[in-house]
Protein backbone atom coordinates (compact mmCIF):
# COMPACT_ATOMS: atom_id res chain seq x y z
CA MET A 1 -17.38 27.82 -80.78
CA ALA A 2 -17.96 31.43 -79.71
CA LEU A 3 -15.38 33.96 -80.87
CA ILE A 4 -15.11 37.13 -78.77
CA LEU A 5 -13.31 40.24 -80.01
CA SER A 6 -11.06 41.42 -77.20
CA SER A 7 -8.84 44.34 -76.30
CA SER A 8 -5.29 43.44 -75.29
CA GLY A 9 -4.88 46.13 -72.66
CA SER A 10 -3.43 49.55 -73.43
CA TYR A 11 -4.70 52.13 -75.91
CA PRO A 12 -2.92 55.32 -77.05
CA ARG A 13 -3.32 58.14 -74.54
CA ILE A 14 -3.08 60.93 -77.13
CA GLY A 15 -3.96 61.64 -80.74
CA ASP A 16 -3.28 64.25 -83.40
CA SER A 17 -6.24 66.56 -82.78
CA PRO A 18 -6.13 69.17 -79.99
CA GLU A 19 -8.89 67.47 -77.98
CA LEU A 20 -6.91 64.22 -78.02
CA GLN A 21 -3.86 65.94 -76.56
CA VAL A 22 -5.60 67.16 -73.43
CA LEU A 23 -3.82 64.62 -71.23
CA ARG A 24 -0.35 65.54 -72.51
CA ARG A 25 -1.07 69.25 -72.06
CA THR A 26 -2.45 68.75 -68.58
CA ILE A 27 0.52 66.66 -67.42
CA ALA A 28 2.89 69.39 -68.65
CA ALA A 29 0.82 72.09 -66.94
CA VAL A 30 0.82 70.15 -63.65
CA ASP A 31 4.61 69.82 -63.88
CA ARG A 32 4.85 73.60 -64.30
CA GLY A 33 2.56 74.18 -61.33
CA GLU A 34 -0.15 75.71 -63.52
CA ARG A 35 -2.74 72.96 -63.00
CA THR A 36 -3.68 70.73 -60.08
CA PRO A 37 -3.82 66.95 -59.57
CA ALA A 38 -7.61 67.28 -59.75
CA ASP A 39 -7.26 68.72 -63.27
CA LEU A 40 -5.06 65.76 -64.20
CA SER A 41 -7.66 63.34 -62.84
CA ASP A 42 -10.33 65.04 -64.97
CA ALA A 43 -8.18 64.75 -68.09
CA GLU A 44 -7.49 61.07 -67.39
CA ALA A 45 -11.21 60.44 -66.91
CA ALA A 46 -12.06 62.15 -70.19
CA MET A 47 -9.48 60.15 -72.14
CA THR A 48 -10.53 56.91 -70.46
CA ARG A 49 -14.11 57.46 -71.61
CA ARG A 50 -12.84 58.09 -75.13
CA ALA A 51 -10.68 54.95 -75.07
CA VAL A 52 -13.65 52.81 -74.01
CA GLU A 53 -15.90 54.44 -76.62
CA GLU A 54 -13.39 53.97 -79.44
CA GLN A 55 -12.87 50.31 -78.61
CA VAL A 56 -16.63 49.71 -78.69
CA ARG A 57 -17.03 51.73 -81.89
CA ALA A 58 -14.29 49.63 -83.52
CA GLY A 59 -16.31 46.49 -82.75
CA ILE A 60 -14.48 45.19 -79.66
CA GLU A 61 -16.67 43.26 -77.23
CA LEU A 62 -14.34 42.74 -74.24
CA VAL A 63 -12.72 46.11 -73.62
CA THR A 64 -10.36 47.68 -71.08
CA ASP A 65 -9.98 51.21 -69.75
CA GLY A 66 -7.02 51.58 -72.13
CA LEU A 67 -4.65 51.87 -69.15
CA ILE A 68 -4.91 55.62 -69.69
CA ARG A 69 -3.88 56.39 -66.10
CA TRP A 70 -0.77 54.19 -66.32
CA TYR A 71 2.57 55.90 -66.81
CA ASP A 72 3.93 52.41 -67.49
CA PRO A 73 2.99 48.77 -66.74
CA VAL A 74 5.43 48.45 -63.82
CA SER A 75 5.50 51.60 -61.71
CA HIS A 76 1.74 52.15 -61.88
CA LEU A 77 1.15 49.05 -59.77
CA ALA A 78 4.35 48.86 -57.75
CA GLY A 79 4.01 52.52 -56.83
CA GLU A 80 0.76 51.76 -55.02
CA LEU A 81 2.50 49.40 -52.60
CA SER A 82 4.26 50.19 -49.36
CA ASN A 83 8.06 49.91 -49.06
CA THR A 84 8.47 50.77 -52.73
CA GLN A 85 10.26 53.73 -54.29
CA ILE A 86 10.00 54.55 -58.00
CA LYS A 87 13.32 55.62 -59.52
CA GLY A 88 15.22 55.53 -62.83
CA LEU A 89 13.92 54.94 -66.35
CA LEU A 90 14.66 51.70 -68.19
CA ARG A 91 13.58 50.41 -71.60
CA PHE A 92 10.50 48.18 -71.49
CA PHE A 93 11.76 45.04 -73.23
CA ASP A 94 12.56 45.73 -76.90
CA THR A 95 10.04 48.56 -77.30
CA ASN A 96 10.67 52.28 -77.65
CA THR A 97 8.85 52.91 -74.37
CA TYR A 98 10.25 53.10 -70.86
CA PHE A 99 9.25 52.17 -67.33
CA ARG A 100 10.24 53.65 -64.00
CA GLN A 101 12.01 50.97 -61.98
CA PRO A 102 10.69 50.08 -58.51
CA VAL A 103 13.25 49.85 -55.72
CA LEU A 104 12.09 47.78 -52.75
CA THR A 105 13.09 49.11 -49.34
CA GLY A 106 11.16 46.31 -47.62
CA ARG A 107 8.45 43.81 -48.44
CA PRO A 108 5.97 45.48 -50.85
CA ALA A 109 2.46 45.29 -49.41
CA ARG A 110 -0.99 46.33 -50.58
CA THR A 111 -2.48 48.96 -48.30
CA ALA A 112 -5.17 50.26 -50.67
CA PRO A 113 -6.84 49.26 -53.95
CA MET A 114 -4.56 49.33 -56.98
CA VAL A 115 -6.89 49.27 -60.01
CA VAL A 116 -10.32 48.62 -58.48
CA ASP A 117 -11.42 52.23 -58.82
CA GLU A 118 -10.14 52.39 -62.40
CA TYR A 119 -12.10 49.24 -63.25
CA LEU A 120 -15.31 50.59 -61.70
CA PHE A 121 -14.94 53.91 -63.54
CA ALA A 122 -14.48 52.13 -66.88
CA ALA A 123 -17.38 49.77 -66.16
CA ASN A 124 -19.64 52.76 -65.48
CA ALA A 125 -18.40 54.47 -68.64
CA LEU A 126 -19.19 51.38 -70.70
CA GLY A 127 -22.62 51.07 -69.09
CA SER A 128 -23.50 54.66 -69.97
CA MET A 129 -22.78 54.22 -73.69
CA PRO A 130 -25.34 53.18 -76.29
CA THR A 131 -25.02 49.52 -77.22
CA PRO A 132 -24.15 49.07 -80.92
CA ASP A 133 -26.48 47.02 -83.08
CA GLY A 134 -25.92 43.30 -82.65
CA LYS A 135 -23.87 43.72 -79.46
CA ALA A 136 -26.64 43.45 -76.86
CA GLY A 137 -25.45 41.27 -74.01
CA ARG A 138 -22.01 40.85 -75.57
CA LEU A 139 -20.08 43.81 -74.14
CA GLY A 140 -17.89 43.52 -71.08
CA ILE A 141 -14.87 45.10 -69.48
CA LYS A 142 -11.79 43.57 -67.89
CA PRO A 143 -9.17 45.00 -65.55
CA VAL A 144 -5.49 44.45 -66.29
CA LEU A 145 -2.68 43.60 -63.87
CA THR A 146 1.01 43.22 -64.59
CA GLY A 147 1.89 39.82 -63.15
CA PRO A 148 3.98 39.22 -60.03
CA TYR A 149 6.92 37.63 -61.81
CA THR A 150 7.31 40.45 -64.34
CA LEU A 151 7.04 43.06 -61.57
CA ALA A 152 9.68 41.19 -59.58
CA LYS A 153 12.01 40.75 -62.56
CA LEU A 154 11.89 44.45 -63.38
CA SER A 155 12.39 45.60 -59.78
CA ILE A 156 15.50 45.80 -57.65
CA ALA A 157 15.83 45.67 -53.87
CA GLU A 158 17.73 47.66 -51.29
CA ASP A 159 16.33 45.40 -48.59
CA ALA A 160 18.42 42.23 -48.32
CA ALA A 161 15.40 40.02 -47.73
CA MET A 162 13.90 41.12 -51.05
CA ARG A 163 17.02 40.58 -53.18
CA PRO A 164 16.22 36.98 -54.17
CA LEU A 165 13.92 36.95 -57.19
CA GLU A 166 11.54 34.49 -55.54
CA ALA A 167 11.15 36.72 -52.49
CA ARG A 168 10.18 39.66 -54.66
CA ALA A 169 7.84 37.57 -56.81
CA MET A 170 5.99 36.07 -53.88
CA ALA A 171 5.65 39.45 -52.17
CA TYR A 172 4.14 40.92 -55.32
CA ALA A 173 1.96 37.82 -55.69
CA GLU A 174 0.53 38.35 -52.22
CA ALA A 175 -0.33 41.97 -53.02
CA LEU A 176 -1.84 41.11 -56.40
CA ALA A 177 -3.82 38.21 -54.94
CA ALA A 178 -5.52 40.70 -52.62
CA GLU A 179 -6.31 42.87 -55.63
CA VAL A 180 -7.77 39.92 -57.52
CA ARG A 181 -9.98 39.20 -54.52
CA ALA A 182 -11.13 42.83 -54.39
CA LEU A 183 -11.84 42.92 -58.13
CA ALA A 184 -13.93 39.77 -57.85
CA GLU A 185 -15.88 41.35 -54.99
CA VAL A 186 -16.87 44.34 -57.15
CA GLY A 187 -17.97 42.15 -60.05
CA ALA A 188 -15.00 41.65 -62.37
CA GLN A 189 -15.61 38.45 -64.32
CA ILE A 190 -12.25 38.17 -66.10
CA ILE A 191 -8.90 39.68 -65.10
CA GLN A 192 -6.00 39.97 -67.52
CA VAL A 193 -2.59 39.19 -65.99
CA ASP A 194 0.37 40.22 -68.16
CA GLU A 195 3.60 38.23 -67.83
CA PRO A 196 5.83 39.16 -70.79
CA ALA A 197 9.08 38.60 -68.86
CA ILE A 198 8.75 34.81 -68.68
CA LEU A 199 9.26 34.46 -72.43
CA LYS A 200 12.58 36.29 -72.18
CA TYR A 201 13.74 34.50 -69.04
CA PRO A 202 12.37 30.94 -69.27
CA GLN A 203 14.99 29.77 -66.77
CA ASP A 204 12.84 31.41 -64.08
CA TRP A 205 9.85 29.16 -64.79
CA ASP A 206 9.55 27.71 -61.28
CA VAL A 207 9.45 31.15 -59.66
CA PHE A 208 6.98 32.40 -62.27
CA ALA A 209 4.66 29.41 -61.81
CA ARG A 210 4.65 29.62 -58.01
CA ALA A 211 3.81 33.32 -58.06
CA LEU A 212 1.03 32.82 -60.60
CA ASN A 213 -0.41 29.98 -58.56
CA ALA A 214 -1.01 32.41 -55.69
CA LEU A 215 -3.45 34.29 -57.92
CA ALA A 216 -5.08 31.06 -59.09
CA ILE A 217 -5.78 30.05 -55.49
CA VAL A 218 -7.60 33.33 -54.84
CA ARG A 219 -9.56 32.84 -58.07
CA GLN A 220 -10.71 29.44 -56.78
CA ASP A 221 -11.64 30.86 -53.37
CA ALA A 222 -13.68 33.64 -54.99
CA GLY A 223 -15.61 31.09 -57.02
CA ARG A 224 -16.46 29.09 -53.92
CA GLN A 225 -17.78 32.30 -52.34
CA GLY A 226 -20.11 32.99 -55.25
CA LYS A 227 -17.88 35.56 -56.96
CA PRO A 228 -16.58 33.64 -60.00
CA VAL A 229 -13.72 35.30 -61.82
CA LYS A 230 -11.44 34.09 -64.60
CA ILE A 231 -7.72 34.70 -64.97
CA ALA A 232 -6.48 35.40 -68.50
CA LEU A 233 -2.70 35.03 -68.68
CA CYS A 234 -1.08 37.10 -71.43
CA VAL A 235 2.46 36.54 -72.73
CA TYR A 236 4.07 38.57 -75.50
CA PHE A 237 7.21 40.26 -76.86
CA ASN A 238 8.97 36.97 -77.62
CA ASP A 239 8.47 33.56 -79.18
CA CYS A 240 6.18 31.51 -76.93
CA ALA A 241 6.40 28.28 -78.97
CA PRO A 242 9.18 26.75 -76.78
CA LEU A 243 7.04 27.26 -73.68
CA TYR A 244 3.64 26.50 -75.19
CA ALA A 245 3.20 23.08 -73.56
CA LYS A 246 4.15 24.41 -70.13
CA LEU A 247 1.98 27.50 -70.52
CA SER A 248 -0.96 25.27 -71.43
CA SER A 249 -0.62 23.39 -68.15
CA LEU A 250 -0.93 26.46 -65.91
CA PRO A 251 -3.94 26.94 -63.60
CA VAL A 252 -5.49 29.78 -65.58
CA ASP A 253 -8.75 30.08 -67.51
CA VAL A 254 -7.54 31.77 -70.71
CA LEU A 255 -4.12 31.91 -72.36
CA ARG A 256 -3.34 34.84 -74.66
CA LEU A 257 -0.49 34.20 -77.10
CA ASP A 258 1.54 36.58 -79.25
CA PHE A 259 1.71 34.94 -82.69
CA THR A 260 3.83 37.66 -84.29
CA TYR A 261 7.28 36.41 -83.21
CA ASN A 262 7.04 32.98 -84.82
CA PRO A 263 5.19 32.37 -88.11
CA LYS A 264 5.04 28.66 -87.26
CA LEU A 265 3.21 29.12 -83.95
CA VAL A 266 -0.18 28.61 -85.62
CA ASP A 267 0.99 25.17 -86.74
CA VAL A 268 2.44 24.38 -83.29
CA VAL A 269 -0.82 25.23 -81.52
CA SER A 270 -3.09 23.58 -84.06
CA ALA A 271 -1.00 20.39 -83.91
CA ALA A 272 -0.87 20.23 -80.12
CA GLY A 273 -4.35 21.56 -79.43
CA ALA A 274 -5.30 23.84 -76.55
CA PRO A 275 -6.75 22.46 -73.30
CA MET A 276 -8.23 25.86 -72.39
CA PRO A 277 -9.69 28.85 -74.25
CA LEU A 278 -7.07 30.87 -76.11
CA ALA A 279 -6.86 34.54 -76.95
CA LEU A 280 -5.31 34.69 -80.40
CA GLY A 281 -2.90 37.59 -80.75
CA LEU A 282 -2.73 37.30 -84.52
CA VAL A 283 -2.82 41.03 -85.29
CA ASP A 284 0.44 42.84 -84.55
CA GLY A 285 -0.02 45.47 -81.84
CA ARG A 286 3.34 47.11 -82.57
CA ASN A 287 3.44 47.34 -86.37
CA THR A 288 1.42 49.98 -88.21
CA LYS A 289 1.01 47.76 -91.27
CA LEU A 290 -2.46 46.25 -91.45
CA GLU A 291 -2.65 42.50 -91.83
CA ASP A 292 -4.44 40.80 -94.70
CA VAL A 293 -7.90 39.93 -93.41
CA ALA A 294 -8.15 36.70 -95.40
CA THR A 295 -4.84 35.48 -94.00
CA VAL A 296 -5.89 36.15 -90.41
CA ALA A 297 -9.25 34.48 -91.08
CA ARG A 298 -7.53 31.34 -92.36
CA GLN A 299 -5.37 31.24 -89.23
CA VAL A 300 -8.43 31.58 -87.01
CA GLU A 301 -10.24 28.81 -88.92
CA LYS A 302 -7.24 26.53 -88.48
CA LEU A 303 -6.99 27.17 -84.74
CA LEU A 304 -10.61 27.22 -83.58
CA PRO A 305 -11.32 23.47 -83.90
CA ARG A 306 -8.28 22.74 -81.72
CA ILE A 307 -9.31 25.00 -78.80
CA ALA A 308 -11.16 23.52 -75.83
CA GLY A 309 -13.77 25.31 -73.75
CA GLY A 310 -16.23 26.40 -76.40
CA VAL A 311 -14.91 29.95 -76.62
CA ALA A 312 -11.91 31.78 -78.03
CA PHE A 313 -10.86 35.41 -78.17
CA LEU A 314 -9.40 37.34 -81.09
CA SER A 315 -7.07 40.18 -80.17
CA THR A 316 -3.94 42.08 -81.03
CA SER A 317 -0.60 40.61 -79.99
CA SER A 318 -0.04 43.24 -77.29
CA GLY A 319 -1.46 46.48 -76.04
CA LEU A 320 -1.72 49.29 -78.57
CA GLU A 321 0.13 52.12 -76.83
CA TYR A 322 3.01 51.58 -79.28
CA LEU A 323 0.96 52.77 -82.27
CA PRO A 324 -0.41 56.14 -83.39
CA ARG A 325 -4.03 56.43 -82.32
CA GLU A 326 -5.53 56.16 -85.81
CA LYS A 327 -3.46 53.02 -86.49
CA ALA A 328 -4.51 51.49 -83.17
CA PHE A 329 -8.17 52.07 -84.04
CA ALA A 330 -7.64 50.52 -87.47
CA LYS A 331 -6.10 47.41 -85.88
CA LEU A 332 -9.19 46.99 -83.71
CA GLN A 333 -11.46 47.49 -86.70
CA LEU A 334 -9.51 44.81 -88.56
CA LEU A 335 -10.36 42.33 -85.78
């Protein structure tokens, strides 16, 4: 069984030192009219390179761009689509962060790449860095997409045709399916799809599953065309034990679980087994306290024999934007 150390998505955009606050300062200067959008792009690029470098230095093998360019997980993607306006601030689940809510004035449609350029930039940044000892051939990068159901659940519609949840979810699914296809074309081998909302609203399972299936179909088509890509579904911010059996039956390649909401989830998964590779979110991405390494190791040892597919991933329970930068780095080192 291969165990891959994996990022879970976001990484803090700032730190305590002046050089780590360049993005915050540049955003404020742009708002005052003292800097240009080009200056902001340069600051985002610099902090993206640092995020990739810090993940690698911490020992992570499958990294992301840290989502440095994302204001939040909802508006960053929805704002790239036509017939979408970005409006008021709402709390992002039970975190102390906020997202700008999309308002649909028509059917949201993809008219340009959403994260393809960000993925290519991060891939080039990773390729330009020295490979740490023992990591030759083991490093990779994955793009991240917020899933169609979560985007739909956190959006509202002015257009009557988009007011049903399923209509919004399937419209977002169509746009994201095109992005999955484009990411596969430029060489992405695994794409992380975040769907935290389904754990909070399990009554929407049928809508969630239909929207996700649209991405799975594109994944299959890409494979037939010689561009194999895997979908890693990530759920978090609630107890996933009640939905574990249903999640395990979905047409995805990897399932990432948040183990921090239910101390018995390790027993649930080890008893039931996993029919696909799992990403084990055993290290809390929202709590600054460092876990006991021996305890996490025992949990991993209990789970690995029950996971199918010959590979598993070890990660934090969620992205790390909720932690101070030095604590986020320490969590990755702990992995």
